[in-house]
Amino acid sequence: MDIFFIDIRYPLAHPENMKKTLLTLPEDLLGNVQKISGAATKSGAVVTAMEEYVRDKKLNRLMGRIGKGFGISLKELKKSRKKG
């Protein structure tokens, strides 16, 4: 397993808001993420993966709350939509 020094930077981010971190990552996994994401750099691939992870977690939390607010569970809501 190779060790990569990854400088994680958001476009237009200010240097005081960035953190340089040493990560040990499986080379094949990092390569797959870079290829799938279309990122030009390894840093870009890691940032993209992190952004998508956070977005997915927030979306899952929101979806879990939506059904509760209407007196129907998310599972029941999905089931009723399939019946159409």
C-alpha atoms as a PDB file:
ATOM      1  CA  MET A   1       0.000   0.000   0.000  1.00  0.00           C
ATOM      2  CA  ASP A   2       1.406   3.370  -1.017  1.00  0.00           C
ATOM      3  CA  ILE A   3       1.228   6.495   1.093  1.00  0.00           C
ATOM      4  CA  PHE A   4       0.024   9.614  -0.683  1.00  0.00           C
ATOM      5  CA  PHE A   5       0.399  13.160   0.551  1.00  0.00           C
ATOM      6  CA  ILE A   6      -2.894  14.755  -0.336  1.00  0.00           C
ATOM      7  CA  ASP A   7      -3.431  18.484  -0.171  1.00  0.00           C
ATOM      8  CA  ILE A   8      -7.216  18.742   0.067  1.00  0.00           C
ATOM      9  CA  ARG A   9      -8.341  22.044  -1.412  1.00  0.00           C
ATOM     10  CA  TYR A  10     -11.690  23.338  -2.462  1.00  0.00           C
ATOM     11  CA  PRO A  11     -11.700  25.640  -5.466  1.00  0.00           C
ATOM     12  CA  LEU A  12     -11.713  29.246  -4.263  1.00  0.00           C
ATOM     13  CA  ALA A  13     -11.023  28.116  -0.686  1.00  0.00           C
ATOM     14  CA  HIS A  14      -8.824  30.246   1.515  1.00  0.00           C
ATOM     15  CA  PRO A  15      -5.612  28.610   2.790  1.00  0.00           C
ATOM     16  CA  GLU A  16      -6.609  29.158   6.431  1.00  0.00           C
ATOM     17  CA  ASN A  17      -9.665  26.915   5.849  1.00  0.00           C
ATOM     18  CA  MET A  18      -7.644  24.020   4.424  1.00  0.00           C
ATOM     19  CA  LYS A  19      -5.832  21.204   6.159  1.00  0.00           C
ATOM     20  CA  LYS A  20      -2.891  19.274   4.799  1.00  0.00           C
ATOM     21  CA  THR A  21      -3.298  15.653   5.850  1.00  0.00           C
ATOM     22  CA  LEU A  22      -1.330  12.470   5.451  1.00  0.00           C
ATOM     23  CA  LEU A  23      -3.627   9.598   4.522  1.00  0.00           C
ATOM     24  CA  THR A  24      -2.866   5.966   3.872  1.00  0.00           C
ATOM     25  CA  LEU A  25      -5.250   4.827   1.157  1.00  0.00           C
ATOM     26  CA  PRO A  26      -5.508   1.692  -0.948  1.00  0.00           C
ATOM     27  CA  GLU A  27      -4.060   2.659  -4.330  1.00  0.00           C
ATOM     28  CA  ASP A  28      -6.663   0.716  -6.327  1.00  0.00           C
ATOM     29  CA  LEU A  29      -9.566   2.314  -4.433  1.00  0.00           C
ATOM     30  CA  LEU A  30      -8.156   5.802  -4.882  1.00  0.00           C
ATOM     31  CA  GLY A  31      -7.610   5.098  -8.582  1.00  0.00           C
ATOM     32  CA  ASN A  32     -11.200   3.893  -8.977  1.00  0.00           C
ATOM     33  CA  VAL A  33     -12.585   6.965  -7.208  1.00  0.00           C
ATOM     34  CA  GLN A  34     -10.458   9.230  -9.374  1.00  0.00           C
ATOM     35  CA  LYS A  35     -11.573   7.464 -12.557  1.00  0.00           C
ATOM     36  CA  ILE A  36     -15.280   7.347 -11.646  1.00  0.00           C
ATOM     37  CA  SER A  37     -15.382  10.943 -10.387  1.00  0.00           C
ATOM     38  CA  GLY A  38     -13.428  12.283 -13.340  1.00  0.00           C
ATOM     39  CA  ALA A  39     -11.192  14.177 -10.929  1.00  0.00           C
ATOM     40  CA  ALA A  40      -7.933  15.396 -12.398  1.00  0.00           C
ATOM     41  CA  THR A  41      -6.027  14.848  -9.152  1.00  0.00           C
ATOM     42  CA  LYS A  42      -6.026  12.465  -6.217  1.00  0.00           C
ATOM     43  CA  SER A  43      -6.929  15.375  -3.941  1.00  0.00           C
ATOM     44  CA  GLY A  44      -9.891  16.166  -6.152  1.00  0.00           C
ATOM     45  CA  ALA A  45     -11.016  12.540  -5.997  1.00  0.00           C
ATOM     46  CA  VAL A  46     -10.869  12.508  -2.191  1.00  0.00           C
ATOM     47  CA  VAL A  47     -12.731  15.834  -1.917  1.00  0.00           C
ATOM     48  CA  THR A  48     -15.418  14.611  -4.341  1.00  0.00           C
ATOM     49  CA  ALA A  49     -15.861  11.371  -2.405  1.00  0.00           C
ATOM     50  CA  MET A  50     -16.107  13.258   0.890  1.00  0.00           C
ATOM     51  CA  GLU A  51     -18.642  15.747  -0.514  1.00  0.00           C
ATOM     52  CA  GLU A  52     -20.800  12.934  -1.902  1.00  0.00           C
ATOM     53  CA  TYR A  53     -20.626  11.022   1.384  1.00  0.00           C
ATOM     54  CA  VAL A  54     -21.775  14.062   3.375  1.00  0.00           C
ATOM     55  CA  ARG A  55     -24.535  14.840   0.865  1.00  0.00           C
ATOM     56  CA  ASP A  56     -25.805  11.233   0.923  1.00  0.00           C
ATOM     57  CA  LYS A  57     -25.844  11.110   4.738  1.00  0.00           C
ATOM     58  CA  LYS A  58     -27.758  14.405   4.941  1.00  0.00           C
ATOM     59  CA  LEU A  59     -30.225  13.237   2.297  1.00  0.00           C
ATOM     60  CA  ASN A  60     -30.805   9.922   4.084  1.00  0.00           C
ATOM     61  CA  ARG A  61     -31.455  11.767   7.357  1.00  0.00           C
ATOM     62  CA  LEU A  62     -33.876  14.108   5.625  1.00  0.00           C
ATOM     63  CA  MET A  63     -35.698  11.241   3.924  1.00  0.00           C
ATOM     64  CA  GLY A  64     -36.034   9.504   7.276  1.00  0.00           C
ATOM     65  CA  ARG A  65     -37.644  12.602   8.773  1.00  0.00           C
ATOM     66  CA  ILE A  66     -40.041  13.356   5.930  1.00  0.00           C
ATOM     67  CA  GLY A  67     -42.241  10.316   6.512  1.00  0.00           C
ATOM     68  CA  LYS A  68     -42.463  10.963  10.260  1.00  0.00           C
ATOM     69  CA  GLY A  69     -43.788  14.476   9.790  1.00  0.00           C
ATOM     70  CA  PHE A  70     -46.843  13.335   7.823  1.00  0.00           C
ATOM     71  CA  GLY A  71     -47.993  10.502  10.097  1.00  0.00           C
ATOM     72  CA  ILE A  72     -46.774   7.927   7.586  1.00  0.00           C
ATOM     73  CA  SER A  73     -43.462   6.139   7.496  1.00  0.00           C
ATOM     74  CA  LEU A  74     -41.050   6.515   4.601  1.00  0.00           C
ATOM     75  CA  LYS A  75     -41.557   2.838   3.789  1.00  0.00           C
ATOM     76  CA  GLU A  76     -45.334   3.315   3.585  1.00  0.00           C
ATOM     77  CA  LEU A  77     -44.923   6.465   1.511  1.00  0.00           C
ATOM     78  CA  LYS A  78     -42.705   4.653  -1.011  1.00  0.00           C
ATOM     79  CA  LYS A  79     -45.160   1.731  -1.115  1.00  0.00           C
ATOM     80  CA  SER A  80     -48.098   4.054  -1.832  1.00  0.00           C
ATOM     81  CA  ARG A  81     -46.175   5.780  -4.635  1.00  0.00           C
ATOM     82  CA  LYS A  82     -45.517   2.442  -6.343  1.00  0.00           C
ATOM     83  CA  LYS A  83     -49.253   1.686  -6.331  1.00  0.00           C
ATOM     84  CA  GLY A  84     -49.701   5.047  -8.028  1.00  0.00           C
END
